[in-house]
Amino acid sequence: MRARAAIVAGLLAAAVPLDSPAQAQFSPQGIVGGVTRPLRQMLGNFGHYPRSHRHRSSGGARAAAPVPDRDAAQSTVKSRLGRAGPAAWVTAYEDVLGFAFWPDDYGAQFRSRGFDVIADTITGRFDRMRESTRVATTGAARSDGSNDVSSDQCNDAASAGDKWPASRIEQLLQLSDAQHATLEKVQLAANDAVKTIKSNCHQLGDLSPPDRLRALVQALWIVRDGGIAMRAPVKNFYESLTSAQKNSFAFQQPQNAPPPDDKTQGGENKQYQACAAQNIGGAERLVKEIEMKVRPDKTQAASLGNLHKVSSDMAKLLIASCAQPIPADPLARLDSASDQITAMNYAASNVQIALDDFYGRLSQQQKARFEATGR
């Protein structure tokens, strides 16, 4: 098993020449092919790190939607599924399903997640859930306040029930009885995945930064498995639709957006530049914050330098997931989402090795300052 993992790592390293002078010039399409192809072909069935990756890669001709800026501080979120994701990305599973069905609404926010999830997990900046409104006996929705939030990392008060995404699909489409039956199987698969994700939630507040990162790796694999479990029911549902109904799930090219140019290199592609700034900037901020809080001595500086290099390299790798085109149909988008989460876990696992080495060299006082970075 270790030998196969080493082969995968070597292939990925070869696919992404992170130390070459031409880093800024490789294209999003080139990175995607290099990163996801070895993962798809080589991961196989050898345990939970990495998990099997048996579905096809997805392609597409449309460009991804612009990526929103993310603030470094804790964010307050509201999720239709409650806490269905790791503590630093509690909407992960909703974003996967939303990206598959409604990329115009979810594409930007899903593709924007990358090294920020790794950095926030290390520093302990976790999403805070906005409490759901309560319904009184009169049927009117009430809230204890628009600013009510929960800091409980496994609190599920924000869950909206077990009818999404089917409820939104039913609002948008007139379905036959046979189509309703296939949609019900989609919803059952989604409900099972959400239950599994939530049952594996762990309070991370008292864990060390390396242990939080290990928990992130496990949580992301479970989210990824939930997406893979959706593939067969989504395929059956999608194939039951008419051509007009299928158009409801197509990605619409933003108006006034220039057509994608496969020949455009990274330095000339605005989407690529936004993804690069977001991921690489997140890695730089992480290391600078650690350095400021921990104040490493000379003997620890080399290990911090290695953490800096690994973080930067993995951030560059994650540019691929952010900058690639959005596929045209739900099945391809599910595959693309799985590729993105696989790449995030590969990056997190590599950062974890460097973080373990650096953290193990710290004094108790330095560890205490490190563990307070996100608080």
Protein backbone atom coordinates (compact mmCIF):
# COMPACT_ATOMS: atom_id res chain seq x y z
CA MET A 1 0.00 0.00 0.00
CA ARG A 2 2.76 2.46 0.85
CA ALA A 3 4.52 1.63 -2.40
CA ARG A 4 1.40 2.45 -4.41
CA ALA A 5 0.93 5.70 -2.51
CA ALA A 6 4.53 6.60 -3.31
CA ILE A 7 3.91 5.92 -7.00
CA VAL A 8 0.88 8.23 -6.93
CA ALA A 9 2.86 10.95 -5.21
CA GLY A 10 5.62 10.61 -7.77
CA LEU A 11 3.21 10.84 -10.67
CA LEU A 12 1.60 13.93 -9.20
CA ALA A 13 4.95 15.52 -8.62
CA ALA A 14 5.89 14.84 -12.21
CA ALA A 15 2.56 16.15 -13.47
CA VAL A 16 2.99 19.48 -11.67
CA PRO A 17 6.55 20.82 -12.09
CA LEU A 18 6.24 23.12 -9.11
CA ASP A 19 9.85 24.16 -8.95
CA SER A 20 10.31 25.00 -12.61
CA PRO A 21 10.73 28.61 -13.79
CA ALA A 22 7.68 28.17 -16.02
CA GLN A 23 5.24 27.77 -13.13
CA ALA A 24 3.37 30.97 -13.87
CA GLN A 25 2.87 29.98 -17.48
CA PHE A 26 1.25 26.52 -17.35
CA SER A 27 -2.39 26.49 -18.36
CA PRO A 28 -5.37 25.41 -16.20
CA GLN A 29 -6.17 22.62 -18.65
CA GLY A 30 -2.61 21.31 -18.46
CA ILE A 31 -2.61 21.22 -14.66
CA VAL A 32 -6.01 19.52 -14.52
CA GLY A 33 -4.93 16.78 -16.89
CA GLY A 34 -1.69 16.24 -15.01
CA VAL A 35 -3.28 16.16 -11.55
CA THR A 36 -6.48 14.21 -12.12
CA ARG A 37 -5.25 11.65 -14.66
CA PRO A 38 -2.75 9.94 -12.30
CA LEU A 39 -5.33 10.06 -9.51
CA ARG A 40 -7.99 8.40 -11.66
CA GLN A 41 -5.68 5.77 -13.10
CA MET A 42 -3.57 4.90 -10.08
CA LEU A 43 -5.49 5.37 -6.81
CA GLY A 44 -7.30 2.05 -7.14
CA ASN A 45 -8.73 0.19 -4.14
CA PHE A 46 -6.13 0.40 -1.41
CA GLY A 47 -7.72 1.89 1.66
CA HIS A 48 -9.04 5.22 2.79
CA TYR A 49 -5.88 7.14 1.91
CA PRO A 50 -6.28 7.53 -0.94
CA ARG A 51 -9.77 6.09 -1.60
CA SER A 52 -10.78 4.47 -4.87
CA HIS A 53 -11.41 6.77 -7.77
CA ARG A 54 -13.29 4.69 -10.28
CA HIS A 55 -15.38 7.14 -12.25
CA ARG A 56 -14.51 9.03 -15.38
CA SER A 57 -12.91 12.42 -15.54
CA SER A 58 -15.11 15.24 -16.75
CA GLY A 59 -14.41 17.76 -19.42
CA GLY A 60 -16.14 20.89 -20.55
CA ALA A 61 -15.88 23.81 -22.87
CA ARG A 62 -17.27 26.57 -20.70
CA ALA A 63 -15.21 28.74 -18.40
CA ALA A 64 -15.71 28.69 -14.64
CA ALA A 65 -17.62 31.49 -12.97
CA PRO A 66 -15.62 34.22 -11.22
CA VAL A 67 -14.31 33.24 -7.81
CA PRO A 68 -15.52 35.31 -4.85
CA ASP A 69 -13.04 36.73 -2.37
CA ARG A 70 -12.97 35.02 1.03
CA ASP A 71 -12.25 36.83 4.27
CA ALA A 72 -9.64 35.28 6.51
CA ALA A 73 -11.80 35.64 9.63
CA GLN A 74 -14.48 33.18 10.77
CA SER A 75 -17.51 33.21 8.51
CA THR A 76 -21.15 32.77 9.47
CA VAL A 77 -22.98 30.45 7.10
CA LYS A 78 -26.43 28.98 6.68
CA SER A 79 -26.72 25.55 5.10
CA ARG A 80 -29.75 23.74 3.75
CA LEU A 81 -28.26 20.48 5.02
CA GLY A 82 -26.86 21.66 8.35
CA ARG A 83 -23.28 20.75 9.14
CA ALA A 84 -22.55 18.43 6.23
CA GLY A 85 -18.82 18.95 5.86
CA PRO A 86 -15.60 19.61 7.79
CA ALA A 87 -15.54 22.36 10.39
CA ALA A 88 -13.80 24.81 8.05
CA TRP A 89 -16.27 24.06 5.22
CA VAL A 90 -19.59 22.97 6.72
CA THR A 91 -21.48 23.46 3.44
CA ALA A 92 -19.19 21.09 1.54
CA TYR A 93 -21.80 18.47 0.65
CA GLU A 94 -24.45 21.04 -0.21
CA ASP A 95 -21.90 22.73 -2.46
CA VAL A 96 -21.12 19.41 -4.19
CA LEU A 97 -24.79 18.72 -4.95
CA GLY A 98 -25.50 22.34 -5.81
CA PHE A 99 -22.53 22.41 -8.18
CA ALA A 100 -23.82 19.25 -9.88
CA PHE A 101 -27.39 20.49 -10.38
CA TRP A 102 -27.15 24.30 -10.45
CA PRO A 103 -23.64 25.42 -11.41
CA ASP A 104 -24.80 28.97 -12.10
CA ASP A 105 -25.68 29.31 -8.41
CA TYR A 106 -23.00 27.12 -6.85
CA GLY A 107 -20.12 27.06 -9.31
CA ALA A 108 -18.23 30.07 -7.97
CA GLN A 109 -18.51 29.16 -4.30
CA PHE A 110 -17.61 25.50 -4.83
CA ARG A 111 -14.64 26.22 -7.07
CA SER A 112 -13.40 28.90 -4.67
CA ARG A 113 -12.70 26.34 -1.96
CA GLY A 114 -9.13 25.10 -1.93
CA PHE A 115 -6.15 25.96 0.22
CA ASP A 116 -8.35 28.21 2.38
CA VAL A 117 -9.96 25.08 3.89
CA ILE A 118 -6.53 23.67 4.76
CA ALA A 119 -5.30 26.96 6.24
CA ASP A 120 -8.49 27.57 8.25
CA THR A 121 -8.32 24.04 9.66
CA ILE A 122 -4.72 24.53 10.78
CA THR A 123 -5.42 27.90 12.41
CA GLY A 124 -8.77 26.80 13.89
CA ARG A 125 -10.96 29.24 11.98
CA PHE A 126 -14.16 27.24 11.68
CA ASP A 127 -17.46 28.14 10.06
CA ARG A 128 -20.12 29.30 12.49
CA MET A 129 -23.64 28.16 11.71
CA ARG A 130 -26.54 30.58 11.73
CA GLU A 131 -29.38 29.07 13.73
CA SER A 132 -32.42 28.00 11.73
CA THR A 133 -35.74 29.77 12.24
CA ARG A 134 -38.28 28.01 14.41
CA VAL A 135 -41.88 27.49 13.38
CA ALA A 136 -44.55 28.18 15.97
CA THR A 137 -47.89 26.36 16.17
CA THR A 138 -49.42 29.10 14.02
CA GLY A 139 -47.09 28.10 11.19
CA ALA A 140 -45.27 31.45 11.21
CA ALA A 141 -41.49 31.33 11.17
CA ARG A 142 -39.77 32.88 14.16
CA SER A 143 -36.16 33.58 14.89
CA ASP A 144 -34.42 34.46 18.12
CA GLY A 145 -32.38 37.03 16.20
CA SER A 146 -30.76 37.39 12.82
CA ASN A 147 -27.30 37.23 14.38
CA ASP A 148 -27.80 34.00 16.33
CA VAL A 149 -24.95 31.62 15.55
CA SER A 150 -23.67 28.34 16.89
CA SER A 151 -20.02 27.71 17.68
CA ASP A 152 -20.69 24.01 18.28
CA GLN A 153 -18.77 22.31 15.48
CA CYS A 154 -21.28 19.43 15.32
CA ASN A 155 -24.45 21.41 16.01
CA ASP A 156 -27.13 20.52 13.49
CA ALA A 157 -29.78 23.09 14.34
CA ALA A 158 -29.50 24.66 10.89
CA SER A 159 -30.63 21.53 9.06
CA ALA A 160 -33.62 22.23 6.83
CA GLY A 161 -34.83 18.63 6.64
CA ASP A 162 -34.47 15.76 4.22
CA LYS A 163 -36.14 17.10 1.06
CA TRP A 164 -33.29 19.00 -0.60
CA PRO A 165 -32.27 18.90 -3.44
CA ALA A 166 -35.46 17.11 -4.56
CA SER A 167 -37.69 19.94 -3.30
CA ARG A 168 -35.97 22.49 -5.53
CA ILE A 169 -36.01 20.17 -8.54
CA GLU A 170 -39.74 19.60 -8.10
CA GLN A 171 -40.33 23.34 -8.00
CA LEU A 172 -38.47 23.81 -11.28
CA LEU A 173 -39.73 20.84 -13.30
CA GLN A 174 -43.05 19.15 -14.02
CA LEU A 175 -42.15 15.50 -13.46
CA SER A 176 -43.96 12.34 -14.45
CA ASP A 177 -44.62 9.57 -11.95
CA ALA A 178 -41.66 7.61 -13.31
CA GLN A 179 -39.40 10.66 -13.01
CA HIS A 180 -40.62 11.25 -9.45
CA ALA A 181 -39.59 7.70 -8.62
CA THR A 182 -36.05 8.22 -9.91
CA LEU A 183 -35.82 11.58 -8.10
CA GLU A 184 -36.85 9.91 -4.86
CA LYS A 185 -33.84 7.61 -5.14
CA VAL A 186 -31.62 10.67 -5.63
CA GLN A 187 -33.00 12.15 -2.42
CA LEU A 188 -32.61 8.90 -0.48
CA ALA A 189 -28.96 8.67 -1.55
CA ALA A 190 -28.39 12.29 -0.52
CA ASN A 191 -30.03 11.69 2.87
CA ASP A 192 -27.86 8.63 3.50
CA ALA A 193 -24.72 10.58 2.61
CA VAL A 194 -25.66 13.49 4.88
CA LYS A 195 -26.30 11.12 7.79
CA THR A 196 -22.90 9.50 7.29
CA ILE A 197 -21.13 12.85 7.10
CA LYS A 198 -22.83 14.12 10.25
CA SER A 199 -22.22 10.89 12.18
CA ASN A 200 -18.49 11.38 11.60
CA CYS A 201 -18.43 14.95 12.91
CA HIS A 202 -15.92 15.56 15.71
CA GLN A 203 -15.34 18.54 17.96
CA LEU A 204 -11.95 19.92 16.93
CA GLY A 205 -11.47 22.76 19.42
CA ASP A 206 -9.17 20.81 21.74
CA LEU A 207 -7.13 19.12 19.02
CA SER A 208 -3.66 20.22 17.97
CA PRO A 209 -3.24 21.78 14.49
CA PRO A 210 -1.77 18.56 13.00
CA ASP A 211 -4.63 16.52 14.44
CA ARG A 212 -7.16 18.99 13.06
CA LEU A 213 -5.60 18.53 9.65
CA ARG A 214 -5.84 14.75 9.97
CA ALA A 215 -9.53 15.14 10.83
CA LEU A 216 -9.99 17.32 7.73
CA VAL A 217 -8.53 14.61 5.50
CA GLN A 218 -10.96 12.05 6.89
CA ALA A 219 -13.94 14.41 6.64
CA LEU A 220 -13.22 15.31 3.03
CA TRP A 221 -12.96 11.65 2.04
CA ILE A 222 -16.42 11.07 3.52
CA VAL A 223 -17.84 14.04 1.61
CA ARG A 224 -16.21 12.73 -1.57
CA ASP A 225 -17.66 9.25 -0.98
CA GLY A 226 -21.08 10.84 -0.57
CA GLY A 227 -20.72 12.49 -3.96
CA ILE A 228 -19.66 9.24 -5.61
CA ALA A 229 -22.67 7.46 -4.06
CA MET A 230 -24.91 9.97 -5.83
CA ARG A 231 -23.62 9.14 -9.28
CA ALA A 232 -25.84 6.13 -10.11
CA PRO A 233 -29.14 7.67 -8.90
CA VAL A 234 -28.33 11.00 -10.57
CA LYS A 235 -27.51 9.17 -13.80
CA ASN A 236 -30.85 7.33 -13.74
CA PHE A 237 -32.77 10.50 -12.97
CA TYR A 238 -30.99 12.57 -15.60
CA GLU A 239 -31.54 9.92 -18.28
CA SER A 240 -35.27 9.90 -17.47
CA LEU A 241 -35.59 13.59 -18.37
CA THR A 242 -36.60 15.07 -21.70
CA SER A 243 -34.15 17.25 -23.61
CA ALA A 244 -35.99 20.37 -22.47
CA GLN A 245 -35.85 19.25 -18.84
CA LYS A 246 -32.12 18.49 -19.10
CA ASN A 247 -31.56 22.08 -20.23
CA SER A 248 -32.63 23.20 -16.75
CA PHE A 249 -29.38 21.75 -15.39
CA ALA A 250 -27.05 23.08 -18.08
CA PHE A 251 -24.39 25.62 -17.17
CA GLN A 252 -25.15 28.99 -18.73
CA GLN A 253 -22.18 30.99 -19.98
CA PRO A 254 -22.25 34.40 -18.21
CA GLN A 255 -23.39 37.21 -20.47
CA ASN A 256 -20.63 39.33 -22.00
CA ALA A 257 -18.05 36.73 -20.95
CA PRO A 258 -15.32 36.17 -23.56
CA PRO A 259 -15.26 32.68 -25.09
CA PRO A 260 -12.72 30.36 -23.47
CA ASP A 261 -9.40 30.08 -25.26
CA ASP A 262 -7.55 26.82 -24.73
CA LYS A 263 -4.36 28.51 -25.92
CA THR A 264 -4.50 31.19 -23.25
CA GLN A 265 -1.71 30.76 -20.76
CA GLY A 266 -2.00 31.25 -17.01
CA GLY A 267 -0.51 34.73 -16.91
CA GLU A 268 -3.07 36.00 -19.42
CA ASN A 269 -6.14 34.28 -18.00
CA LYS A 270 -8.05 36.38 -15.45
CA GLN A 271 -9.81 33.37 -13.98
CA TYR A 272 -6.49 31.61 -13.55
CA GLN A 273 -4.98 34.73 -11.95
CA ALA A 274 -7.86 34.95 -9.47
CA CYS A 275 -7.45 31.28 -8.53
CA ALA A 276 -3.69 31.67 -8.20
CA ALA A 277 -3.98 34.74 -5.98
CA GLN A 278 -6.55 33.05 -3.76
CA ASN A 279 -4.71 29.77 -3.22
CA ILE A 280 -1.14 31.01 -3.13
CA GLY A 281 -2.16 34.03 -1.06
CA GLY A 282 -3.80 31.70 1.46
CA ALA A 283 -0.62 29.67 1.79
CA GLU A 284 1.49 32.79 2.29
CA ARG A 285 -0.85 34.19 4.94
CA LEU A 286 -0.87 30.87 6.78
CA VAL A 287 2.91 30.66 7.09
CA LYS A 288 3.27 34.33 8.02
CA GLU A 289 0.66 33.97 10.75
CA ILE A 290 2.37 30.89 12.15
CA GLU A 291 5.73 32.67 12.10
CA MET A 292 4.31 35.70 13.91
CA LYS A 293 2.58 33.65 16.60
CA VAL A 294 5.22 30.97 17.18
CA ARG A 295 8.39 33.03 16.66
CA PRO A 296 10.56 30.03 15.69
CA ASP A 297 14.20 29.94 16.66
CA LYS A 298 17.03 29.25 14.23
CA THR A 299 16.85 25.48 14.66
CA GLN A 300 13.12 25.52 13.82
CA ALA A 301 13.43 27.91 10.88
CA ALA A 302 14.43 25.24 8.37
CA SER A 303 11.37 23.15 9.20
CA LEU A 304 9.13 26.21 8.87
CA GLY A 305 10.79 26.93 5.54
CA ASN A 306 9.90 23.42 4.38
CA LEU A 307 6.30 23.93 5.52
CA HIS A 308 6.27 27.18 3.54
CA LYS A 309 7.54 25.44 0.40
CA VAL A 310 5.12 22.51 0.66
CA SER A 311 2.19 24.84 1.33
CA SER A 312 3.08 26.98 -1.69
CA ASP A 313 3.50 23.93 -3.91
CA MET A 314 0.16 22.45 -2.86
CA ALA A 315 -1.57 25.81 -3.31
CA LYS A 316 -0.27 25.90 -6.88
CA LEU A 317 -1.61 22.41 -7.46
CA LEU A 318 -5.08 23.48 -6.25
CA ILE A 319 -5.22 26.27 -8.82
CA ALA A 320 -6.22 23.52 -11.25
CA SER A 321 -9.50 22.72 -9.54
CA CYS A 322 -10.44 26.38 -9.28
CA ALA A 323 -9.58 27.45 -12.83
CA GLN A 324 -10.80 24.55 -14.96
CA PRO A 325 -13.97 24.87 -17.09
CA ILE A 326 -17.33 23.90 -15.60
CA PRO A 327 -18.63 20.71 -17.27
CA ALA A 328 -21.89 20.73 -19.17
CA ASP A 329 -24.00 18.09 -17.37
CA PRO A 330 -24.65 16.97 -13.77
CA LEU A 331 -22.78 13.66 -14.02
CA ALA A 332 -19.63 15.32 -15.32
CA ARG A 333 -19.90 17.96 -12.60
CA LEU A 334 -20.15 15.25 -9.92
CA ASP A 335 -16.96 13.75 -11.32
CA SER A 336 -15.33 17.18 -11.36
CA ALA A 337 -16.33 17.79 -7.75
CA SER A 338 -14.79 14.46 -6.76
CA ASP A 339 -11.56 15.41 -8.56
CA GLN A 340 -11.44 18.72 -6.71
CA ILE A 341 -11.91 17.15 -3.28
CA THR A 342 -9.34 14.46 -4.13
CA ALA A 343 -6.83 17.17 -5.01
CA MET A 344 -7.62 19.03 -1.77
CA ASN A 345 -7.00 15.89 0.25
CA TYR A 346 -3.75 15.17 -1.54
CA ALA A 347 -2.66 18.74 -0.75
CA ALA A 348 -3.78 18.48 2.90
CA SER A 349 -1.96 15.17 3.35
CA ASN A 350 1.30 16.63 2.04
CA VAL A 351 0.99 19.74 4.19
CA GLN A 352 0.28 17.50 7.17
CA ILE A 353 3.67 15.76 6.83
CA ALA A 354 5.51 19.08 6.87
CA LEU A 355 3.32 20.43 9.68
CA ASP A 356 3.94 17.36 11.83
CA ASP A 357 7.69 17.90 11.55
CA PHE A 358 7.51 21.61 12.40
CA TYR A 359 5.01 21.20 15.24
CA GLY A 360 7.07 18.42 16.81
CA ARG A 361 10.03 20.79 17.15
CA LEU A 362 8.10 23.43 19.13
CA SER A 363 8.23 24.04 22.87
CA GLN A 364 5.05 23.82 24.93
CA GLN A 365 4.85 27.62 25.04
CA GLN A 366 5.18 27.84 21.27
CA LYS A 367 2.53 25.16 20.79
CA ALA A 368 0.15 27.09 23.01
CA ARG A 369 0.64 30.23 20.91
CA PHE A 370 0.24 28.22 17.70
CA GLU A 371 -2.99 26.63 18.87
CA ALA A 372 -4.43 30.07 19.59
CA THR A 373 -3.91 31.42 16.07
CA GLY A 374 -7.55 31.20 15.03
CA ARG A 375 -9.09 32.32 18.31
